[in-house]
C-alpha atoms as a PDB file:
ATOM      1  CA  MET A   1     -21.864 222.461  87.504  1.00  0.00           C
ATOM      2  CA  ASP A   2     -24.481 224.312  85.613  1.00  0.00           C
ATOM      3  CA  LYS A   3     -22.388 225.591  82.678  1.00  0.00           C
ATOM      4  CA  VAL A   4     -18.889 225.232  81.087  1.00  0.00           C
ATOM      5  CA  ARG A   5     -16.220 226.679  83.426  1.00  0.00           C
ATOM      6  CA  PRO A   6     -12.754 226.043  84.234  1.00  0.00           C
ATOM      7  CA  ALA A   7     -11.919 223.685  87.121  1.00  0.00           C
ATOM      8  CA  VAL A   8      -8.826 222.275  88.748  1.00  0.00           C
ATOM      9  CA  VAL A   9      -8.679 218.406  88.717  1.00  0.00           C
ATOM     10  CA  MET A  10      -7.755 217.305  92.109  1.00  0.00           C
ATOM     11  CA  HIS A  11      -6.947 213.540  91.242  1.00  0.00           C
ATOM     12  CA  ARG A  12      -3.541 212.166  90.659  1.00  0.00           C
ATOM     13  CA  ASP A  13      -3.125 211.684  86.935  1.00  0.00           C
ATOM     14  CA  PHE A  14      -2.963 208.004  86.899  1.00  0.00           C
ATOM     15  CA  ALA A  15      -6.096 207.589  89.176  1.00  0.00           C
ATOM     16  CA  GLY A  16      -8.144 210.120  87.110  1.00  0.00           C
ATOM     17  CA  ARG A  17      -7.590 208.111  83.957  1.00  0.00           C
ATOM     18  CA  ARG A  18      -9.136 204.956  85.570  1.00  0.00           C
ATOM     19  CA  LEU A  19     -12.162 206.528  87.119  1.00  0.00           C
ATOM     20  CA  ASN A  20     -15.566 207.328  85.702  1.00  0.00           C
ATOM     21  CA  SER A  21     -15.865 210.565  87.645  1.00  0.00           C
ATOM     22  CA  VAL A  22     -13.192 213.050  88.769  1.00  0.00           C
ATOM     23  CA  LEU A  23     -12.835 215.233  91.761  1.00  0.00           C
ATOM     24  CA  VAL A  24     -12.573 218.853  90.771  1.00  0.00           C
ATOM     25  CA  VAL A  25     -12.813 222.376  92.214  1.00  0.00           C
ATOM     26  CA  PRO A  26     -14.755 224.670  89.881  1.00  0.00           C
ATOM     27  CA  LEU A  27     -13.175 228.120  89.535  1.00  0.00           C
ATOM     28  CA  ILE A  28     -15.183 231.297  90.191  1.00  0.00           C
ATOM     29  CA  SER A  29     -14.556 234.928  89.306  1.00  0.00           C
ATOM     30  CA  THR A  30     -15.657 236.317  92.616  1.00  0.00           C
ATOM     31  CA  LEU A  31     -12.275 237.113  94.142  1.00  0.00           C
ATOM     32  CA  ARG A  32     -12.048 236.913  97.925  1.00  0.00           C
ATOM     33  CA  GLU A  33      -9.215 236.239 100.345  1.00  0.00           C
ATOM     34  CA  VAL A  34     -10.059 233.295 102.486  1.00  0.00           C
ATOM     35  CA  PRO A  35      -7.809 230.421 103.682  1.00  0.00           C
ATOM     36  CA  THR A  36      -9.815 227.782 101.800  1.00  0.00           C
ATOM     37  CA  ALA A  37      -9.230 229.525  98.389  1.00  0.00           C
ATOM     38  CA  VAL A  38      -6.299 229.936  96.121  1.00  0.00           C
ATOM     39  CA  ARG A  39      -6.117 232.765  93.520  1.00  0.00           C
ATOM     40  CA  LEU A  40      -5.231 231.726  89.998  1.00  0.00           C
ATOM     41  CA  GLY A  41      -4.906 233.799  86.827  1.00  0.00           C
ATOM     42  CA  PRO A  42      -3.122 234.387  83.576  1.00  0.00           C
ATOM     43  CA  ALA A  43       0.263 233.066  84.931  1.00  0.00           C
ATOM     44  CA  ASP A  44      -1.587 229.819  85.450  1.00  0.00           C
ATOM     45  CA  GLY A  45      -2.907 229.668  81.852  1.00  0.00           C
ATOM     46  CA  LEU A  46      -6.292 231.242  82.543  1.00  0.00           C
ATOM     47  CA  ASP A  47      -7.625 234.266  80.618  1.00  0.00           C
ATOM     48  CA  ARG A  48      -8.571 236.144  83.913  1.00  0.00           C
ATOM     49  CA  ASP A  49      -8.057 236.213  87.620  1.00  0.00           C
ATOM     50  CA  CYS A  50     -10.247 233.789  89.529  1.00  0.00           C
ATOM     51  CA  ILE A  51     -10.227 231.685  92.672  1.00  0.00           C
ATOM     52  CA  ALA A  52     -10.315 227.910  93.416  1.00  0.00           C
ATOM     53  CA  PRO A  53     -12.516 227.635  96.532  1.00  0.00           C
ATOM     54  CA  LEU A  54     -11.470 224.364  98.010  1.00  0.00           C
ATOM     55  CA  ASP A  55     -14.637 224.272 100.185  1.00  0.00           C
ATOM     56  CA  ASN A  56     -16.641 223.577  96.934  1.00  0.00           C
ATOM     57  CA  LEU A  57     -15.287 220.313  95.648  1.00  0.00           C
ATOM     58  CA  THR A  58     -17.533 218.180  93.327  1.00  0.00           C
ATOM     59  CA  ASN A  59     -17.300 215.000  91.379  1.00  0.00           C
ATOM     60  CA  LEU A  60     -17.859 215.337  87.528  1.00  0.00           C
ATOM     61  CA  PRO A  61     -18.336 212.459  85.115  1.00  0.00           C
ATOM     62  CA  ARG A  62     -15.321 212.272  82.828  1.00  0.00           C
ATOM     63  CA  GLU A  63     -17.540 212.969  79.757  1.00  0.00           C
ATOM     64  CA  ARG A  64     -18.263 216.448  81.045  1.00  0.00           C
ATOM     65  CA  PHE A  65     -14.726 217.638  80.467  1.00  0.00           C
ATOM     66  CA  VAL A  66     -14.382 219.639  77.200  1.00  0.00           C
ATOM     67  CA  ARG A  67     -10.674 220.344  76.946  1.00  0.00           C
ATOM     68  CA  ARG A  68      -7.482 220.714  79.042  1.00  0.00           C
ATOM     69  CA  ILE A  69      -6.465 224.364  79.479  1.00  0.00           C
ATOM     70  CA  GLY A  70      -3.136 223.754  81.180  1.00  0.00           C
ATOM     71  CA  ALA A  71      -1.362 222.306  84.086  1.00  0.00           C
ATOM     72  CA  LEU A  72      -0.489 223.901  87.539  1.00  0.00           C
ATOM     73  CA  ASP A  73       3.054 223.531  88.770  1.00  0.00           C
ATOM     74  CA  ALA A  74       3.941 221.604  91.982  1.00  0.00           C
ATOM     75  CA  SER A  75       4.059 224.805  94.104  1.00  0.00           C
ATOM     76  CA  ARG A  76       0.566 225.840  93.028  1.00  0.00           C
ATOM     77  CA  MET A  77      -0.694 222.381  93.672  1.00  0.00           C
ATOM     78  CA  GLN A  78       0.753 222.566  97.180  1.00  0.00           C
ATOM     79  CA  GLU A  79      -1.093 225.809  97.759  1.00  0.00           C
ATOM     80  CA  LEU A  80      -4.319 224.006  96.752  1.00  0.00           C
ATOM     81  CA  CYS A  81      -3.516 221.161  99.113  1.00  0.00           C
ATOM     82  CA  ARG A  82      -2.927 223.447 101.965  1.00  0.00           C
ATOM     83  CA  ALA A  83      -6.315 225.225 101.270  1.00  0.00           C
ATOM     84  CA  LEU A  84      -7.950 221.827 101.061  1.00  0.00           C
ATOM     85  CA  ALA A  85      -6.464 220.880 104.465  1.00  0.00           C
ATOM     86  CA  VAL A  86      -8.046 224.021 105.993  1.00  0.00           C
ATOM     87  CA  ALA A  87     -11.414 223.344 104.281  1.00  0.00           C
ATOM     88  CA  VAL A  88     -11.724 219.846 105.590  1.00  0.00           C
ATOM     89  CA  SER A  89     -10.068 220.535 109.038  1.00  0.00           C
ATOM     90  CA  CYS A  90      -7.002 218.257 108.340  1.00  0.00           C
ATOM     91  CA  GLY A  91      -4.042 220.265 109.499  1.00  0.00           C
END
């Protein structure tokens, strides 16, 4: 990632604490409706609407994380998992 931006951590909490790098999906502000993306916004703790494109996963070193913005509830995480399944053809 070329700049500081919000991202969704895709690791289980206990695994992420033990790893040197963490799997994330960087959020983007270009809104589009595709089955591999989930729309997020102020209701999710963000300052604006954006999408999480699950076909753009990346690993980031733990030291790149600046701060925690919030946490998504179980239903939102399920949406992300469904989009990930489409992105990697597992479903």
